[in-house]
Structure formats: structure tokens, C-alpha cells
């Protein structure tokens, strides 16, 4: 049974940095991919970043390329989303998602089987 708990969202100012966490149980001994998605009020859920482990393939949405980084802390089995230089348009509920046995990390919501509950990120001026 795979369970994800995402956390770390809060109110920040434009230009600040924030790190979101996705704590995963049931994945430590498996090949898997994790994706971060976000959904702003009134908009569809969109891809942010994804990675697969073991492996070094990482994908980023154009809107966050160079500002966000997805990485994993193996000792804690946590996947993070480091967000730098936050902008107003980054305001959304952020969700982590996981799928097993993927070498290439997916970028679409329907390719993931497990989801966290979401964490709110609000960027203000």
C-alpha cells in the first residue's frame, strides 16, 4: 500500500523560497516516479515537475524551469520540491503523486496512481 503525505505549503512573499515535502510509505524498495502538480483556483490541475528513482531523469514545466527542483532524500524516503524565486502565479494547491515501476517519470495526471492530499502555497506581493 502506497501512501503519500504532502506538506510545507504556506503564505510567502514574491521572491521567497519554499520547500514542499512528499513523505512516501510503501515505496522504499521499489522503482517509482513522483510528480508534483498544482491547481490554482478555477483552473485545471497542471504539471510542475517529476522524477524517477533510481535514476536521474527529471522533467519541469516551462513555467518553473530554473526555479524549482525536485529531489529525493533517500534516508527519509521523502521527495521534495524546492521552489525558489516564487511568483504570484505560483499560488495554487500543490499535490504530489506517485506511480510504481516507471523509468521515465510521467507528466500527466492520469499516469499516476497515488496522490497526496494537497498543500496550499500562496504567494503575495
C-alpha atoms as a PDB file:
ATOM      1  CA  UNK A   1       0.000   0.000   0.000  1.00  0.00           C
ATOM      2  CA  UNK A   2       1.457   3.330  -1.093  1.00  0.00           C
ATOM      3  CA  UNK A   3       0.553   6.415   0.892  1.00  0.00           C
ATOM      4  CA  UNK A   4       1.665   9.975   0.269  1.00  0.00           C
ATOM      5  CA  UNK A   5       1.554  12.911   2.645  1.00  0.00           C
ATOM      6  CA  UNK A   6       2.468  16.255   1.151  1.00  0.00           C
ATOM      7  CA  UNK A   7       3.203  19.268   3.311  1.00  0.00           C
ATOM      8  CA  UNK A   8       5.113  22.515   3.568  1.00  0.00           C
ATOM      9  CA  UNK A   9       2.780  24.943   1.900  1.00  0.00           C
ATOM     10  CA  UNK A  10       2.218  28.348   3.455  1.00  0.00           C
ATOM     11  CA  UNK A  11       1.915  32.050   2.738  1.00  0.00           C
ATOM     12  CA  UNK A  12       5.110  33.593   1.363  1.00  0.00           C
ATOM     13  CA  UNK A  13       6.113  36.777  -0.428  1.00  0.00           C
ATOM     14  CA  UNK A  14       7.104  37.037  -4.055  1.00  0.00           C
ATOM     15  CA  UNK A  15      10.781  36.219  -4.452  1.00  0.00           C
ATOM     16  CA  UNK A  16      10.869  33.920  -1.430  1.00  0.00           C
ATOM     17  CA  UNK A  17      11.832  30.259  -1.407  1.00  0.00           C
ATOM     18  CA  UNK A  18       9.785  27.346  -0.101  1.00  0.00           C
ATOM     19  CA  UNK A  19      10.312  23.609   0.109  1.00  0.00           C
ATOM     20  CA  UNK A  20       7.419  21.180  -0.172  1.00  0.00           C
ATOM     21  CA  UNK A  21       7.693  17.618   1.122  1.00  0.00           C
ATOM     22  CA  UNK A  22       6.105  14.409  -0.090  1.00  0.00           C
ATOM     23  CA  UNK A  23       6.531  11.668   2.500  1.00  0.00           C
ATOM     24  CA  UNK A  24       6.012   8.290   0.905  1.00  0.00           C
ATOM     25  CA  UNK A  25       5.340   4.960   2.533  1.00  0.00           C
ATOM     26  CA  UNK A  26       5.457   1.731   0.591  1.00  0.00           C
ATOM     27  CA  UNK A  27       7.990   2.921  -1.989  1.00  0.00           C
ATOM     28  CA  UNK A  28      11.392   2.461  -0.410  1.00  0.00           C
ATOM     29  CA  UNK A  29      12.247  -0.821  -2.127  1.00  0.00           C
ATOM     30  CA  UNK A  30      10.612  -0.154  -5.454  1.00  0.00           C
ATOM     31  CA  UNK A  31      11.335   1.706  -8.660  1.00  0.00           C
ATOM     32  CA  UNK A  32       8.909   4.601  -8.810  1.00  0.00           C
ATOM     33  CA  UNK A  33       8.234   8.049 -10.151  1.00  0.00           C
ATOM     34  CA  UNK A  34       6.933  11.070  -8.285  1.00  0.00           C
ATOM     35  CA  UNK A  35       5.304  14.072  -9.832  1.00  0.00           C
ATOM     36  CA  UNK A  36       4.324  17.426  -8.427  1.00  0.00           C
ATOM     37  CA  UNK A  37       1.217  19.066  -9.796  1.00  0.00           C
ATOM     38  CA  UNK A  38      -0.637  22.215  -8.867  1.00  0.00           C
ATOM     39  CA  UNK A  39      -4.126  23.542  -9.186  1.00  0.00           C
ATOM     40  CA  UNK A  40      -4.947  27.202  -8.966  1.00  0.00           C
ATOM     41  CA  UNK A  41      -8.446  28.367  -8.111  1.00  0.00           C
ATOM     42  CA  UNK A  42     -10.716  27.911 -11.102  1.00  0.00           C
ATOM     43  CA  UNK A  43      -8.070  26.213 -13.215  1.00  0.00           C
ATOM     44  CA  UNK A  44      -7.200  22.668 -14.161  1.00  0.00           C
ATOM     45  CA  UNK A  45      -4.519  20.724 -12.378  1.00  0.00           C
ATOM     46  CA  UNK A  46      -1.200  21.197 -14.163  1.00  0.00           C
ATOM     47  CA  UNK A  47       2.156  19.502 -14.226  1.00  0.00           C
ATOM     48  CA  UNK A  48       5.023  21.090 -12.305  1.00  0.00           C
ATOM     49  CA  UNK A  49       7.886  18.599 -12.015  1.00  0.00           C
ATOM     50  CA  UNK A  50       8.605  14.879 -11.979  1.00  0.00           C
ATOM     51  CA  UNK A  51      11.439  12.475 -11.333  1.00  0.00           C
ATOM     52  CA  UNK A  52      12.066   8.750 -11.242  1.00  0.00           C
ATOM     53  CA  UNK A  53      14.141   6.752  -8.796  1.00  0.00           C
ATOM     54  CA  UNK A  54      16.558   5.155  -9.055  1.00  0.00           C
ATOM     55  CA  UNK A  55      17.621   7.327 -11.948  1.00  0.00           C
ATOM     56  CA  UNK A  56      18.378  10.877 -12.958  1.00  0.00           C
ATOM     57  CA  UNK A  57      15.550  11.782 -15.318  1.00  0.00           C
ATOM     58  CA  UNK A  58      13.774  14.970 -14.241  1.00  0.00           C
ATOM     59  CA  UNK A  59      11.141  16.990 -16.042  1.00  0.00           C
ATOM     60  CA  UNK A  60       9.942  20.504 -15.332  1.00  0.00           C
ATOM     61  CA  UNK A  61       7.182  22.664 -16.663  1.00  0.00           C
ATOM     62  CA  UNK A  62       8.475  25.616 -18.668  1.00  0.00           C
ATOM     63  CA  UNK A  63       6.959  27.989 -16.126  1.00  0.00           C
ATOM     64  CA  UNK A  64       9.134  26.651 -13.298  1.00  0.00           C
ATOM     65  CA  UNK A  65      12.272  25.569 -15.160  1.00  0.00           C
ATOM     66  CA  UNK A  66      15.327  27.020 -13.444  1.00  0.00           C
ATOM     67  CA  UNK A  67      13.381  27.984 -10.306  1.00  0.00           C
ATOM     68  CA  UNK A  68      12.057  24.655  -8.992  1.00  0.00           C
ATOM     69  CA  UNK A  69      13.963  21.462  -8.250  1.00  0.00           C
ATOM     70  CA  UNK A  70      12.620  18.014  -7.470  1.00  0.00           C
ATOM     71  CA  UNK A  71      14.859  15.741  -5.426  1.00  0.00           C
ATOM     72  CA  UNK A  72      14.700  12.808  -3.071  1.00  0.00           C
ATOM     73  CA  UNK A  73      16.141  12.254   0.369  1.00  0.00           C
ATOM     74  CA  UNK A  74      16.743   8.524   0.482  1.00  0.00           C
ATOM     75  CA  UNK A  75      17.223   8.172   4.216  1.00  0.00           C
ATOM     76  CA  UNK A  76      13.777   9.583   4.906  1.00  0.00           C
ATOM     77  CA  UNK A  77      12.071   8.399   1.726  1.00  0.00           C
ATOM     78  CA  UNK A  78      10.842  11.895   1.088  1.00  0.00           C
ATOM     79  CA  UNK A  79      10.633  13.656  -2.253  1.00  0.00           C
ATOM     80  CA  UNK A  80      10.945  17.421  -2.113  1.00  0.00           C
ATOM     81  CA  UNK A  81      10.023  20.271  -4.375  1.00  0.00           C
ATOM     82  CA  UNK A  82      12.380  23.173  -3.793  1.00  0.00           C
ATOM     83  CA  UNK A  83      10.789  26.358  -5.065  1.00  0.00           C
ATOM     84  CA  UNK A  84      12.878  29.498  -5.476  1.00  0.00           C
ATOM     85  CA  UNK A  85      12.057  32.974  -6.749  1.00  0.00           C
ATOM     86  CA  UNK A  86       8.361  32.409  -6.190  1.00  0.00           C
ATOM     87  CA  UNK A  87       5.919  34.428  -8.232  1.00  0.00           C
ATOM     88  CA  UNK A  88       2.300  35.400  -7.705  1.00  0.00           C
ATOM     89  CA  UNK A  89       1.296  32.936 -10.407  1.00  0.00           C
ATOM     90  CA  UNK A  90       2.776  30.064  -8.389  1.00  0.00           C
ATOM     91  CA  UNK A  91      -0.152  30.363  -5.980  1.00  0.00           C
ATOM     92  CA  UNK A  92      -2.021  27.043  -6.003  1.00  0.00           C
ATOM     93  CA  UNK A  93      -2.695  23.842  -4.132  1.00  0.00           C
ATOM     94  CA  UNK A  94       0.276  21.571  -4.766  1.00  0.00           C
ATOM     95  CA  UNK A  95      -0.112  17.812  -4.950  1.00  0.00           C
ATOM     96  CA  UNK A  96       2.467  15.079  -5.075  1.00  0.00           C
ATOM     97  CA  UNK A  97       1.676  11.861  -6.898  1.00  0.00           C
ATOM     98  CA  UNK A  98       3.421   8.530  -7.375  1.00  0.00           C
ATOM     99  CA  UNK A  99       3.401   5.592  -9.732  1.00  0.00           C
ATOM    100  CA  UNK A 100       5.378   2.358  -9.496  1.00  0.00           C
ATOM    101  CA  UNK A 101       7.832   0.841 -11.957  1.00  0.00           C
ATOM    102  CA  UNK A 102       8.434   3.841 -14.190  1.00  0.00           C
ATOM    103  CA  UNK A 103      11.863   4.596 -15.635  1.00  0.00           C
ATOM    104  CA  UNK A 104      10.640   7.740 -17.371  1.00  0.00           C
ATOM    105  CA  UNK A 105       8.645   9.948 -14.987  1.00  0.00           C
ATOM    106  CA  UNK A 106       5.209  10.832 -16.354  1.00  0.00           C
ATOM    107  CA  UNK A 107       3.981  14.383 -16.779  1.00  0.00           C
ATOM    108  CA  UNK A 108       0.231  13.773 -16.970  1.00  0.00           C
ATOM    109  CA  UNK A 109      -2.158  13.385 -14.068  1.00  0.00           C
ATOM    110  CA  UNK A 110      -3.787  10.225 -15.418  1.00  0.00           C
ATOM    111  CA  UNK A 111      -0.460   8.409 -15.407  1.00  0.00           C
ATOM    112  CA  UNK A 112      -0.202   8.497 -11.617  1.00  0.00           C
ATOM    113  CA  UNK A 113      -1.907   6.056  -9.271  1.00  0.00           C
ATOM    114  CA  UNK A 114      -1.349   7.547  -5.830  1.00  0.00           C
ATOM    115  CA  UNK A 115      -1.935  11.107  -4.641  1.00  0.00           C
ATOM    116  CA  UNK A 116      -1.259  13.217  -1.615  1.00  0.00           C
ATOM    117  CA  UNK A 117      -3.955  15.387  -0.074  1.00  0.00           C
ATOM    118  CA  UNK A 118      -2.511  18.679  -1.305  1.00  0.00           C
ATOM    119  CA  UNK A 119      -0.830  21.621   0.374  1.00  0.00           C
ATOM    120  CA  UNK A 120      -1.660  25.281  -0.210  1.00  0.00           C
ATOM    121  CA  UNK A 121       1.018  27.666  -1.429  1.00  0.00           C
ATOM    122  CA  UNK A 122       0.067  31.330  -1.502  1.00  0.00           C
ATOM    123  CA  UNK A 123       2.456  33.925  -2.892  1.00  0.00           C
ATOM    124  CA  UNK A 124       1.707  37.543  -2.053  1.00  0.00           C
ATOM    125  CA  UNK A 125       3.276  40.835  -3.102  1.00  0.00           C
END
